[in-house]
Amino acid sequence: MDIKRKYVNLFLELGQSENGLLGFTISNRFDLSPSDVIAFIIEYQKKGFITCDDEYRIKITESGRAA
């Protein structure tokens, strides 16, 4: 497992979400600072665990589900 402890609940929530989550929602729901959300997006997008679409909606990938 290559997911930091503070992001485990976030990945579980993304796995249950049909349309993904917006960065603002992640910041509020998981009590993360905007810089934490940006760091999360950059780190896990590089690993292929999440995607970010044109509306900045964050979605989990199949490899993210497997992690």
Protein backbone atom coordinates (compact mmCIF):
# COMPACT_ATOMS: atom_id res chain seq x y z
CA MET A 1 0.00 0.00 0.00
CA ASP A 2 1.47 3.28 -1.11
CA ILE A 3 -1.06 5.69 0.46
CA LYS A 4 -0.24 8.01 3.32
CA ARG A 5 -2.26 7.43 6.47
CA LYS A 6 -3.97 10.83 6.41
CA TYR A 7 -5.36 10.11 2.93
CA VAL A 8 -6.83 6.63 3.54
CA ASN A 9 -10.33 7.93 4.37
CA LEU A 10 -10.16 10.21 1.36
CA PHE A 11 -9.42 7.27 -0.92
CA LEU A 12 -12.31 5.32 0.63
CA GLU A 13 -14.65 8.25 -0.05
CA LEU A 14 -13.39 8.57 -3.64
CA GLY A 15 -14.02 4.85 -4.12
CA GLN A 16 -17.67 5.31 -3.12
CA SER A 17 -18.19 8.47 -5.17
CA GLU A 18 -19.74 8.12 -8.63
CA ASN A 19 -18.74 11.54 -9.95
CA GLY A 20 -15.60 12.17 -7.91
CA LEU A 21 -15.01 15.05 -5.52
CA LEU A 22 -14.05 18.67 -5.99
CA GLY A 23 -10.91 19.98 -4.31
CA PHE A 24 -13.00 22.37 -2.22
CA THR A 25 -15.12 19.48 -0.96
CA ILE A 26 -12.02 17.49 -0.05
CA SER A 27 -10.57 20.44 1.85
CA ASN A 28 -13.74 20.92 3.90
CA ARG A 29 -14.77 17.31 4.43
CA PHE A 30 -11.35 16.01 5.45
CA ASP A 31 -10.06 19.14 7.22
CA LEU A 32 -7.10 19.54 4.85
CA SER A 33 -5.48 22.82 3.89
CA PRO A 34 -5.58 23.87 0.23
CA SER A 35 -1.85 23.13 -0.03
CA ASP A 36 -2.48 19.60 1.34
CA VAL A 37 -5.15 19.05 -1.31
CA ILE A 38 -2.82 20.25 -4.07
CA ALA A 39 -0.01 18.04 -2.74
CA PHE A 40 -2.44 15.10 -2.66
CA ILE A 41 -3.51 15.69 -6.25
CA ILE A 42 0.05 16.04 -7.56
CA GLU A 43 1.44 13.05 -5.67
CA TYR A 44 -1.31 10.55 -6.44
CA GLN A 45 -1.94 11.72 -9.99
CA LYS A 46 1.74 11.00 -10.75
CA LYS A 47 1.31 7.52 -9.27
CA GLY A 48 -1.79 6.97 -11.42
CA PHE A 49 -4.13 6.51 -8.44
CA ILE A 50 -6.41 9.47 -9.27
CA THR A 51 -7.39 11.62 -12.23
CA CYS A 52 -8.46 15.23 -12.38
CA ASP A 53 -10.85 16.30 -15.15
CA ASP A 54 -11.52 19.69 -16.78
CA GLU A 55 -13.85 20.67 -13.92
CA TYR A 56 -11.13 19.78 -11.38
CA ARG A 57 -13.21 16.85 -10.19
CA ILE A 58 -10.95 14.22 -8.62
CA LYS A 59 -11.75 10.58 -9.37
CA ILE A 60 -10.09 7.35 -8.30
CA THR A 61 -8.60 5.05 -10.97
CA GLU A 62 -8.58 1.26 -11.03
CA SER A 63 -5.00 1.20 -9.81
CA GLY A 64 -6.06 3.55 -7.02
CA ARG A 65 -8.78 1.13 -6.01
CA ALA A 66 -6.24 -1.69 -5.93
CA ALA A 67 -3.85 0.28 -3.74
